[in-house]
C-alpha cells in the first residue's frame, strides 16, 4: 500500500504545475455531475406509473412529493385553460434552467480537462527542448523529465474527461426524461381540465 501511494505521489509530481489545475477541474466535474444525478434521483418522478399520475391529476389531494406540488400548483384556483398553460410555463421556467445552466458549466469543464493536458504536454516538450539545447551531463534526466511531464498531463486530462462525458450524457438523458414527464403531466392536466369544463 505504501509503495502504491509513493508511486502515485511521484507520478503526480512528475506531471508538473499543470497537475494542480487538473485536480481542481476533476473535483469540479465530479462534484457537479454527482450533485445533478442525485438531484434527479430525489425528484421521484421516475418511479411513478401512469395510473398513479392520472389518479393524482384527478384528485390532487392524494398527490405526494415534488410531483404532487406541481399538480396542486397547476390546478388550485384555476378557472381557465389559459391559466393552466401559464402555470405550466412557470413550472418549466423554474425547474429546467437549473439543469441547463449546470450542464453547460459541466460541458465547459469537460472541454477544459484535455486542453489542460495539452498545455502540460507543450510545457513538458519545452522542458525537453531546453534540456537538449543546454546539453551537459544530465541531458538524459532532463529529456526524460520533460517527456514524462508531457505524457502524464495528457493522460490525466483524458482520464478526467472521458468518464465525465459519460456522466454528462447520463445527466442530459435524465433532463430530457424529466422534461418529457412535465410535458406529459401538462397534457394530462389539460385533459382533466377539459373534462371538468364539459361536465360542468
C-alpha atoms as a PDB file:
ATOM      1  CA  UNK A   1       0.000   0.000   0.000  1.00  0.00           C
ATOM      2  CA  UNK A   2       2.833   2.399   0.914  1.00  0.00           C
ATOM      3  CA  UNK A   3       4.598   1.606  -2.389  1.00  0.00           C
ATOM      4  CA  UNK A   4       1.446   2.353  -4.367  1.00  0.00           C
ATOM      5  CA  UNK A   5       0.943   5.664  -2.570  1.00  0.00           C
ATOM      6  CA  UNK A   6       4.570   6.597  -3.149  1.00  0.00           C
ATOM      7  CA  UNK A   7       4.228   5.755  -6.869  1.00  0.00           C
ATOM      8  CA  UNK A   8       1.106   7.940  -7.156  1.00  0.00           C
ATOM      9  CA  UNK A   9       2.847  10.872  -5.451  1.00  0.00           C
ATOM     10  CA  UNK A  10       5.918  10.511  -7.688  1.00  0.00           C
ATOM     11  CA  UNK A  11       3.768  10.318 -10.819  1.00  0.00           C
ATOM     12  CA  UNK A  12       1.797  13.337  -9.670  1.00  0.00           C
ATOM     13  CA  UNK A  13       4.938  15.382  -9.048  1.00  0.00           C
ATOM     14  CA  UNK A  14       6.450  14.437 -12.395  1.00  0.00           C
ATOM     15  CA  UNK A  15       3.365  15.905 -14.099  1.00  0.00           C
ATOM     16  CA  UNK A  16       4.474  19.436 -13.261  1.00  0.00           C
ATOM     17  CA  UNK A  17       2.478  22.559 -12.385  1.00  0.00           C
ATOM     18  CA  UNK A  18      -0.475  21.709 -14.662  1.00  0.00           C
ATOM     19  CA  UNK A  19      -1.467  18.836 -12.362  1.00  0.00           C
ATOM     20  CA  UNK A  20      -2.916  21.240  -9.774  1.00  0.00           C
ATOM     21  CA  UNK A  21      -5.420  22.881 -12.169  1.00  0.00           C
ATOM     22  CA  UNK A  22      -6.246  19.395 -13.492  1.00  0.00           C
ATOM     23  CA  UNK A  23      -7.062  18.249  -9.950  1.00  0.00           C
ATOM     24  CA  UNK A  24      -9.282  21.294  -9.407  1.00  0.00           C
ATOM     25  CA  UNK A  25     -11.128  20.694 -12.705  1.00  0.00           C
ATOM     26  CA  UNK A  26     -11.574  16.987 -11.830  1.00  0.00           C
ATOM     27  CA  UNK A  27     -13.053  17.869  -8.423  1.00  0.00           C
ATOM     28  CA  UNK A  28     -15.446  20.371 -10.013  1.00  0.00           C
ATOM     29  CA  UNK A  29     -16.532  17.958 -12.763  1.00  0.00           C
ATOM     30  CA  UNK A  30     -17.331  15.077 -10.437  1.00  0.00           C
ATOM     31  CA  UNK A  31     -18.915  17.272  -7.749  1.00  0.00           C
ATOM     32  CA  UNK A  32     -21.268  18.959 -10.242  1.00  0.00           C
ATOM     33  CA  UNK A  33     -22.089  15.690 -12.048  1.00  0.00           C
ATOM     34  CA  UNK A  34     -22.777  13.745  -8.833  1.00  0.00           C
ATOM     35  CA  UNK A  35     -24.960  16.516  -7.368  1.00  0.00           C
ATOM     36  CA  UNK A  36     -27.031  16.681 -10.590  1.00  0.00           C
ATOM     37  CA  UNK A  37     -27.524  12.909 -10.706  1.00  0.00           C
ATOM     38  CA  UNK A  38     -28.578  12.894  -7.029  1.00  0.00           C
ATOM     39  CA  UNK A  39     -30.922  15.838  -7.686  1.00  0.00           C
ATOM     40  CA  UNK A  40     -32.753  13.873 -10.389  1.00  0.00           C
ATOM     41  CA  UNK A  41     -32.990  10.870  -8.094  1.00  0.00           C
ATOM     42  CA  UNK A  42     -34.615  12.924  -5.323  1.00  0.00           C
ATOM     43  CA  UNK A  43     -37.361  14.246  -7.618  1.00  0.00           C
ATOM     44  CA  UNK A  44     -39.148  10.885  -7.523  1.00  0.00           C
ATOM     45  CA  UNK A  45     -40.897  11.108 -10.920  1.00  0.00           C
ATOM     46  CA  UNK A  46     -39.178   8.027 -12.410  1.00  0.00           C
ATOM     47  CA  UNK A  47     -40.851   5.561 -10.048  1.00  0.00           C
ATOM     48  CA  UNK A  48     -44.391   6.770 -10.762  1.00  0.00           C
ATOM     49  CA  UNK A  49     -46.509   4.688 -13.125  1.00  0.00           C
ATOM     50  CA  UNK A  50     -49.079   6.269 -15.452  1.00  0.00           C
ATOM     51  CA  UNK A  51     -52.085   5.117 -13.396  1.00  0.00           C
ATOM     52  CA  UNK A  52     -50.757   6.831 -10.258  1.00  0.00           C
ATOM     53  CA  UNK A  53     -50.071  10.090 -12.085  1.00  0.00           C
ATOM     54  CA  UNK A  54     -53.536  10.060 -13.731  1.00  0.00           C
ATOM     55  CA  UNK A  55     -55.128   9.359 -10.312  1.00  0.00           C
ATOM     56  CA  UNK A  56     -53.181  12.247  -8.736  1.00  0.00           C
ATOM     57  CA  UNK A  57     -54.217  14.609 -11.553  1.00  0.00           C
ATOM     58  CA  UNK A  58     -57.888  13.660 -10.990  1.00  0.00           C
ATOM     59  CA  UNK A  59     -57.610  14.044  -7.204  1.00  0.00           C
ATOM     60  CA  UNK A  60     -54.734  16.453  -6.408  1.00  0.00           C
ATOM     61  CA  UNK A  61     -55.222  15.928  -2.653  1.00  0.00           C
ATOM     62  CA  UNK A  62     -53.733  12.409  -2.972  1.00  0.00           C
ATOM     63  CA  UNK A  63     -50.573  13.577  -4.723  1.00  0.00           C
ATOM     64  CA  UNK A  64     -47.209  13.485  -2.951  1.00  0.00           C
ATOM     65  CA  UNK A  65     -43.689  14.877  -3.223  1.00  0.00           C
ATOM     66  CA  UNK A  66     -42.459  17.307  -5.838  1.00  0.00           C
ATOM     67  CA  UNK A  67     -44.831  15.893  -8.475  1.00  0.00           C
ATOM     68  CA  UNK A  68     -47.703  16.493  -6.061  1.00  0.00           C
ATOM     69  CA  UNK A  69     -46.605  20.102  -5.537  1.00  0.00           C
ATOM     70  CA  UNK A  70     -46.623  20.667  -9.310  1.00  0.00           C
ATOM     71  CA  UNK A  71     -50.056  19.046  -9.696  1.00  0.00           C
ATOM     72  CA  UNK A  72     -51.563  21.109  -6.885  1.00  0.00           C
ATOM     73  CA  UNK A  73     -49.947  24.342  -8.073  1.00  0.00           C
ATOM     74  CA  UNK A  74     -51.212  23.895 -11.639  1.00  0.00           C
ATOM     75  CA  UNK A  75     -54.793  23.073 -10.546  1.00  0.00           C
ATOM     76  CA  UNK A  76     -55.502  25.135  -7.403  1.00  0.00           C
ATOM     77  CA  UNK A  77     -57.903  28.028  -8.072  1.00  0.00           C
ATOM     78  CA  UNK A  78     -57.591  27.654 -11.840  1.00  0.00           C
ATOM     79  CA  UNK A  79     -60.646  28.822 -13.796  1.00  0.00           C
ATOM     80  CA  UNK A  80     -59.462  28.952 -17.415  1.00  0.00           C
ATOM     81  CA  UNK A  81     -57.436  26.789 -19.786  1.00  0.00           C
ATOM     82  CA  UNK A  82     -55.002  29.673 -20.331  1.00  0.00           C
ATOM     83  CA  UNK A  83     -54.202  29.692 -16.612  1.00  0.00           C
ATOM     84  CA  UNK A  84     -53.185  26.014 -16.771  1.00  0.00           C
ATOM     85  CA  UNK A  85     -50.848  26.796 -19.697  1.00  0.00           C
ATOM     86  CA  UNK A  86     -49.475  29.798 -17.812  1.00  0.00           C
ATOM     87  CA  UNK A  87     -48.788  27.822 -14.629  1.00  0.00           C
ATOM     88  CA  UNK A  88     -47.054  25.027 -16.508  1.00  0.00           C
ATOM     89  CA  UNK A  89     -44.927  27.636 -18.295  1.00  0.00           C
ATOM     90  CA  UNK A  90     -43.879  28.862 -14.842  1.00  0.00           C
ATOM     91  CA  UNK A  91     -43.057  25.278 -13.781  1.00  0.00           C
ATOM     92  CA  UNK A  92     -40.881  24.752 -16.875  1.00  0.00           C
ATOM     93  CA  UNK A  93     -39.180  28.128 -16.385  1.00  0.00           C
ATOM     94  CA  UNK A  94     -38.442  27.494 -12.701  1.00  0.00           C
ATOM     95  CA  UNK A  95     -37.126  23.925 -12.969  1.00  0.00           C
ATOM     96  CA  UNK A  96     -35.427  23.259 -16.319  1.00  0.00           C
ATOM     97  CA  UNK A  97     -32.941  26.207 -16.498  1.00  0.00           C
ATOM     98  CA  UNK A  98     -31.311  24.929 -13.280  1.00  0.00           C
ATOM     99  CA  UNK A  99     -30.212  21.762 -15.107  1.00  0.00           C
ATOM    100  CA  UNK A 100     -29.423  23.501 -18.387  1.00  0.00           C
ATOM    101  CA  UNK A 101     -27.055  26.002 -16.731  1.00  0.00           C
ATOM    102  CA  UNK A 102     -25.217  23.300 -14.820  1.00  0.00           C
ATOM    103  CA  UNK A 103     -24.939  21.098 -17.918  1.00  0.00           C
ATOM    104  CA  UNK A 104     -23.343  23.991 -19.828  1.00  0.00           C
ATOM    105  CA  UNK A 105     -20.913  24.509 -16.921  1.00  0.00           C
ATOM    106  CA  UNK A 106     -20.144  20.767 -16.787  1.00  0.00           C
ATOM    107  CA  UNK A 107     -19.503  20.570 -20.547  1.00  0.00           C
ATOM    108  CA  UNK A 108     -17.183  23.587 -20.299  1.00  0.00           C
ATOM    109  CA  UNK A 109     -15.175  21.847 -17.561  1.00  0.00           C
ATOM    110  CA  UNK A 110     -15.071  18.636 -19.609  1.00  0.00           C
ATOM    111  CA  UNK A 111     -13.661  20.530 -22.591  1.00  0.00           C
ATOM    112  CA  UNK A 112     -11.113  22.194 -20.302  1.00  0.00           C
ATOM    113  CA  UNK A 113      -9.582  18.948 -18.929  1.00  0.00           C
ATOM    114  CA  UNK A 114      -7.987  17.690 -22.204  1.00  0.00           C
ATOM    115  CA  UNK A 115      -6.889  21.253 -23.030  1.00  0.00           C
ATOM    116  CA  UNK A 116      -5.058  21.489 -19.697  1.00  0.00           C
ATOM    117  CA  UNK A 117      -3.488  18.116 -20.506  1.00  0.00           C
ATOM    118  CA  UNK A 118      -2.370  19.538 -23.846  1.00  0.00           C
ATOM    119  CA  UNK A 119      -0.919  22.581 -22.074  1.00  0.00           C
ATOM    120  CA  UNK A 120       1.069  20.193 -19.870  1.00  0.00           C
ATOM    121  CA  UNK A 121       2.266  18.391 -22.998  1.00  0.00           C
ATOM    122  CA  UNK A 122       3.528  21.655 -24.511  1.00  0.00           C
ATOM    123  CA  UNK A 123       5.240  22.644 -21.260  1.00  0.00           C
ATOM    124  CA  UNK A 124       6.864  19.198 -20.999  1.00  0.00           C
ATOM    125  CA  UNK A 125       8.152  19.421 -24.563  1.00  0.00           C
ATOM    126  CA  UNK A 126       9.576  22.894 -23.833  1.00  0.00           C
ATOM    127  CA  UNK A 127      11.484  21.404 -20.878  1.00  0.00           C
ATOM    128  CA  UNK A 128      12.748  18.643 -23.213  1.00  0.00           C
ATOM    129  CA  UNK A 129      13.926  21.086 -25.896  1.00  0.00           C
ATOM    130  CA  UNK A 130      15.537  23.303 -23.279  1.00  0.00           C
ATOM    131  CA  UNK A 131      17.442  20.275 -21.966  1.00  0.00           C
ATOM    132  CA  UNK A 132      18.551  19.356 -25.481  1.00  0.00           C
ATOM    133  CA  UNK A 133      19.769  22.877 -26.186  1.00  0.00           C
ATOM    134  CA  UNK A 134      21.730  23.146 -22.913  1.00  0.00           C
ATOM    135  CA  UNK A 135      23.262  19.673 -23.140  1.00  0.00           C
ATOM    136  CA  UNK A 136      25.636  18.668 -20.344  1.00  0.00           C
ATOM    137  CA  UNK A 137      25.991  15.608 -18.165  1.00  0.00           C
ATOM    138  CA  UNK A 138      22.361  15.401 -17.022  1.00  0.00           C
ATOM    139  CA  UNK A 139      20.908  15.598 -20.537  1.00  0.00           C
ATOM    140  CA  UNK A 140      19.146  12.208 -20.309  1.00  0.00           C
ATOM    141  CA  UNK A 141      17.496  13.126 -16.977  1.00  0.00           C
ATOM    142  CA  UNK A 142      16.219  16.468 -18.283  1.00  0.00           C
ATOM    143  CA  UNK A 143      14.840  14.947 -21.503  1.00  0.00           C
ATOM    144  CA  UNK A 144      13.196  12.057 -19.599  1.00  0.00           C
ATOM    145  CA  UNK A 145      11.671  14.519 -17.123  1.00  0.00           C
ATOM    146  CA  UNK A 146      10.232  16.682 -19.922  1.00  0.00           C
ATOM    147  CA  UNK A 147       8.775  13.726 -21.829  1.00  0.00           C
ATOM    148  CA  UNK A 148       7.336  12.296 -18.617  1.00  0.00           C
ATOM    149  CA  UNK A 149       5.632  15.623 -17.819  1.00  0.00           C
ATOM    150  CA  UNK A 150       4.248  15.836 -21.361  1.00  0.00           C
ATOM    151  CA  UNK A 151       2.750  12.330 -21.326  1.00  0.00           C
ATOM    152  CA  UNK A 152       1.399  12.308 -17.755  1.00  0.00           C
ATOM    153  CA  UNK A 153      -0.589  15.554 -18.141  1.00  0.00           C
ATOM    154  CA  UNK A 154      -2.130  14.376 -21.427  1.00  0.00           C
ATOM    155  CA  UNK A 155      -3.081  11.072 -19.860  1.00  0.00           C
ATOM    156  CA  UNK A 156      -4.575  12.761 -16.786  1.00  0.00           C
ATOM    157  CA  UNK A 157      -6.588  15.206 -18.919  1.00  0.00           C
ATOM    158  CA  UNK A 158      -8.130  12.299 -20.849  1.00  0.00           C
ATOM    159  CA  UNK A 159      -8.668  10.159 -17.727  1.00  0.00           C
ATOM    160  CA  UNK A 160     -10.585  13.022 -16.136  1.00  0.00           C
ATOM    161  CA  UNK A 161     -12.642  13.928 -19.220  1.00  0.00           C
ATOM    162  CA  UNK A 162     -13.710  10.536 -20.639  1.00  0.00           C
ATOM    163  CA  UNK A 163     -15.739   9.270 -17.620  1.00  0.00           C
ATOM    164  CA  UNK A 164     -17.067  12.823 -17.221  1.00  0.00           C
ATOM    165  CA  UNK A 165     -18.514  12.739 -20.753  1.00  0.00           C
ATOM    166  CA  UNK A 166     -20.436   9.560 -19.877  1.00  0.00           C
ATOM    167  CA  UNK A 167     -21.803  11.264 -16.753  1.00  0.00           C
ATOM    168  CA  UNK A 168     -22.774  14.365 -18.774  1.00  0.00           C
ATOM    169  CA  UNK A 169     -24.606  12.121 -21.262  1.00  0.00           C
ATOM    170  CA  UNK A 170     -26.489  10.407 -18.403  1.00  0.00           C
ATOM    171  CA  UNK A 171     -27.449  13.816 -16.952  1.00  0.00           C
ATOM    172  CA  UNK A 172     -28.653  15.061 -20.377  1.00  0.00           C
ATOM    173  CA  UNK A 173     -30.808  11.939 -20.732  1.00  0.00           C
ATOM    174  CA  UNK A 174     -32.325  12.423 -17.287  1.00  0.00           C
ATOM    175  CA  UNK A 175     -33.005  16.091 -18.036  1.00  0.00           C
ATOM    176  CA  UNK A 176     -34.804  15.093 -21.264  1.00  0.00           C
ATOM    177  CA  UNK A 177     -36.789  12.422 -19.382  1.00  0.00           C
ATOM    178  CA  UNK A 178     -37.781  14.966 -16.721  1.00  0.00           C
ATOM    179  CA  UNK A 179     -38.854  17.466 -19.386  1.00  0.00           C
ATOM    180  CA  UNK A 180     -40.886  14.747 -21.160  1.00  0.00           C
ATOM    181  CA  UNK A 181     -42.521  13.865 -17.827  1.00  0.00           C
ATOM    182  CA  UNK A 182     -43.525  17.510 -17.255  1.00  0.00           C
ATOM    183  CA  UNK A 183     -44.968  17.702 -20.802  1.00  0.00           C
ATOM    184  CA  UNK A 184     -46.968  14.501 -20.132  1.00  0.00           C
ATOM    185  CA  UNK A 185     -48.179  15.948 -16.816  1.00  0.00           C
ATOM    186  CA  UNK A 186     -49.285  19.131 -18.585  1.00  0.00           C
ATOM    187  CA  UNK A 187     -51.171  17.080 -21.184  1.00  0.00           C
ATOM    188  CA  UNK A 188     -52.971  15.015 -18.504  1.00  0.00           C
ATOM    189  CA  UNK A 189     -53.864  18.161 -16.524  1.00  0.00           C
ATOM    190  CA  UNK A 190     -55.294  19.866 -19.623  1.00  0.00           C
ATOM    191  CA  UNK A 191     -57.351  16.763 -20.447  1.00  0.00           C
ATOM    192  CA  UNK A 192     -58.679  16.678 -16.887  1.00  0.00           C
ATOM    193  CA  UNK A 193     -59.499  20.405 -17.006  1.00  0.00           C
ATOM    194  CA  UNK A 194     -61.396  19.954 -20.300  1.00  0.00           C
ATOM    195  CA  UNK A 195     -63.391  17.042 -18.820  1.00  0.00           C
ATOM    196  CA  UNK A 196     -64.342  19.192 -15.832  1.00  0.00           C
ATOM    197  CA  UNK A 197     -65.370  22.036 -18.139  1.00  0.00           C
ATOM    198  CA  UNK A 198     -67.578  19.689 -20.215  1.00  0.00           C
ATOM    199  CA  UNK A 199     -69.038  18.099 -17.071  1.00  0.00           C
ATOM    200  CA  UNK A 200     -70.000  21.442 -15.566  1.00  0.00           C
END
